[in-house]
Amino acid sequence: MNEDEIRRAVARELREYQRSQPKPKGMVDEVSSAVSGCMVLFVVALVILGMVSACNR
């Protein structure tokens, strides 16, 4: 499994996760949803970087 396959799989899972979430109501909900989305992307990026660095050892 190479980096491109990992990125595609992560993007696919994020899209499915976002589709399964109920639509936010109001500005506060939209901001909190955006913040949680950014946190999820950050965690996913850390996981991918960890996998890549482990493979390069």
N, C-alpha and C. Protein backbone atom coordinates (compact mmCIF):
# COMPACT_ATOMS: atom_id res chain seq x y z
N MET A 1 0.85 -1.18 0.00
CA MET A 1 0.00 0.00 0.00
C MET A 1 0.90 1.24 0.00
N ASN A 2 0.77 2.07 -1.04
CA ASN A 2 1.64 3.25 -1.10
C ASN A 2 0.91 4.48 -0.56
N GLU A 3 1.59 5.62 -0.57
CA GLU A 3 1.04 6.84 0.02
C GLU A 3 -0.23 7.30 -0.69
N ASP A 4 -0.26 7.21 -2.02
CA ASP A 4 -1.45 7.65 -2.76
C ASP A 4 -2.67 6.82 -2.38
N GLU A 5 -2.49 5.52 -2.25
CA GLU A 5 -3.62 4.67 -1.86
C GLU A 5 -4.10 5.02 -0.46
N ILE A 6 -3.17 5.32 0.44
CA ILE A 6 -3.54 5.70 1.80
C ILE A 6 -4.32 7.01 1.78
N ARG A 7 -3.83 7.98 1.01
CA ARG A 7 -4.53 9.28 0.94
C ARG A 7 -5.93 9.11 0.37
N ARG A 8 -6.07 8.30 -0.69
CA ARG A 8 -7.40 8.10 -1.28
C ARG A 8 -8.34 7.43 -0.28
N ALA A 9 -7.84 6.44 0.43
CA ALA A 9 -8.68 5.74 1.41
C ALA A 9 -9.12 6.69 2.53
N VAL A 10 -8.20 7.52 3.00
CA VAL A 10 -8.54 8.47 4.07
C VAL A 10 -9.55 9.48 3.56
N ALA A 11 -9.36 10.00 2.36
CA ALA A 11 -10.30 10.98 1.80
C ALA A 11 -11.69 10.35 1.64
N ARG A 12 -11.72 9.10 1.18
CA ARG A 12 -13.00 8.41 1.00
C ARG A 12 -13.71 8.25 2.34
N GLU A 13 -12.97 7.85 3.37
CA GLU A 13 -13.57 7.68 4.70
C GLU A 13 -14.06 9.01 5.25
N LEU A 14 -13.31 10.09 5.04
CA LEU A 14 -13.74 11.40 5.52
C LEU A 14 -15.02 11.84 4.83
N ARG A 15 -15.12 11.61 3.51
CA ARG A 15 -16.35 11.97 2.79
C ARG A 15 -17.54 11.18 3.32
N GLU A 16 -17.36 9.89 3.53
CA GLU A 16 -18.45 9.07 4.06
C GLU A 16 -18.83 9.52 5.46
N TYR A 17 -17.84 9.87 6.27
CA TYR A 17 -18.12 10.34 7.63
C TYR A 17 -18.91 11.65 7.59
N GLN A 18 -18.51 12.57 6.70
CA GLN A 18 -19.20 13.85 6.62
C GLN A 18 -20.63 13.67 6.11
N ARG A 19 -20.85 12.74 5.18
CA ARG A 19 -22.20 12.49 4.68
C ARG A 19 -23.10 11.92 5.77
N SER A 20 -22.53 11.12 6.66
CA SER A 20 -23.33 10.47 7.70
C SER A 20 -23.70 11.43 8.83
N GLN A 21 -23.00 12.56 8.92
CA GLN A 21 -23.28 13.52 9.98
C GLN A 21 -24.55 14.31 9.67
N PRO A 22 -25.37 14.60 10.68
CA PRO A 22 -26.54 15.46 10.44
C PRO A 22 -26.10 16.88 10.10
N LYS A 23 -26.91 17.55 9.33
CA LYS A 23 -26.57 18.92 8.93
C LYS A 23 -26.65 19.85 10.13
N PRO A 24 -25.62 20.68 10.35
CA PRO A 24 -25.63 21.59 11.49
C PRO A 24 -26.67 22.69 11.32
N LYS A 25 -27.16 23.19 12.45
CA LYS A 25 -28.15 24.27 12.42
C LYS A 25 -27.56 25.49 13.13
N GLY A 26 -27.51 26.60 12.44
CA GLY A 26 -27.02 27.83 13.06
C GLY A 26 -25.52 28.01 12.92
N MET A 27 -25.09 29.23 13.20
CA MET A 27 -23.69 29.60 13.03
C MET A 27 -22.79 28.87 14.02
N VAL A 28 -23.22 28.74 15.27
CA VAL A 28 -22.39 28.09 16.29
C VAL A 28 -22.15 26.64 15.91
N ASP A 29 -23.18 25.96 15.44
CA ASP A 29 -23.03 24.57 15.04
C ASP A 29 -22.10 24.44 13.84
N GLU A 30 -22.19 25.38 12.90
CA GLU A 30 -21.31 25.33 11.73
C GLU A 30 -19.85 25.52 12.14
N VAL A 31 -19.60 26.44 13.05
CA VAL A 31 -18.23 26.68 13.50
C VAL A 31 -17.70 25.46 14.25
N SER A 32 -18.52 24.89 15.12
CA SER A 32 -18.06 23.72 15.88
C SER A 32 -17.84 22.54 14.95
N SER A 33 -18.67 22.43 13.92
CA SER A 33 -18.48 21.35 12.94
C SER A 33 -17.19 21.56 12.17
N ALA A 34 -16.89 22.80 11.80
CA ALA A 34 -15.65 23.09 11.07
C ALA A 34 -14.43 22.80 11.95
N VAL A 35 -14.51 23.16 13.22
CA VAL A 35 -13.39 22.91 14.13
C VAL A 35 -13.18 21.42 14.30
N SER A 36 -14.26 20.67 14.48
CA SER A 36 -14.10 19.22 14.65
C SER A 36 -13.58 18.59 13.36
N GLY A 37 -14.00 19.10 12.21
CA GLY A 37 -13.48 18.60 10.94
C GLY A 37 -11.99 18.85 10.80
N CYS A 38 -11.55 20.02 11.23
CA CYS A 38 -10.11 20.33 11.18
C CYS A 38 -9.32 19.43 12.12
N MET A 39 -9.90 19.15 13.28
CA MET A 39 -9.21 18.27 14.23
C MET A 39 -9.10 16.86 13.67
N VAL A 40 -10.16 16.39 13.02
CA VAL A 40 -10.12 15.05 12.41
C VAL A 40 -9.05 15.01 11.33
N LEU A 41 -8.99 16.04 10.48
CA LEU A 41 -7.98 16.08 9.42
C LEU A 41 -6.57 16.11 10.02
N PHE A 42 -6.39 16.85 11.11
CA PHE A 42 -5.08 16.92 11.76
C PHE A 42 -4.66 15.55 12.29
N VAL A 43 -5.58 14.86 12.93
CA VAL A 43 -5.28 13.52 13.47
C VAL A 43 -4.96 12.56 12.34
N VAL A 44 -5.74 12.63 11.26
CA VAL A 44 -5.49 11.75 10.11
C VAL A 44 -4.13 12.04 9.51
N ALA A 45 -3.78 13.33 9.40
CA ALA A 45 -2.46 13.69 8.86
C ALA A 45 -1.34 13.15 9.75
N LEU A 46 -1.52 13.22 11.06
CA LEU A 46 -0.51 12.67 11.97
C LEU A 46 -0.36 11.17 11.79
N VAL A 47 -1.49 10.48 11.62
CA VAL A 47 -1.44 9.03 11.42
C VAL A 47 -0.70 8.70 10.13
N ILE A 48 -1.02 9.43 9.06
CA ILE A 48 -0.36 9.17 7.77
C ILE A 48 1.14 9.45 7.87
N LEU A 49 1.50 10.56 8.50
CA LEU A 49 2.92 10.88 8.64
C LEU A 49 3.63 9.82 9.48
N GLY A 50 2.97 9.33 10.51
CA GLY A 50 3.56 8.27 11.32
C GLY A 50 3.77 7.00 10.53
N MET A 51 2.79 6.65 9.69
CA MET A 51 2.92 5.45 8.86
C MET A 51 4.06 5.61 7.86
N VAL A 52 4.15 6.78 7.25
CA VAL A 52 5.19 7.02 6.25
C VAL A 52 6.57 6.98 6.90
N SER A 53 6.69 7.62 8.06
CA SER A 53 8.00 7.62 8.73
C SER A 53 8.37 6.22 9.20
N ALA A 54 7.39 5.43 9.61
CA ALA A 54 7.68 4.05 10.03
C ALA A 54 8.11 3.20 8.84
N CYS A 55 7.52 3.45 7.69
CA CYS A 55 7.88 2.68 6.49
C CYS A 55 9.27 3.06 5.97
N ASN A 56 9.69 4.29 6.22
CA ASN A 56 10.97 4.76 5.71
C ASN A 56 12.15 4.36 6.59
N ARG A 57 11.90 3.74 7.72
CA ARG A 57 13.00 3.35 8.62
C ARG A 57 13.67 2.10 8.13
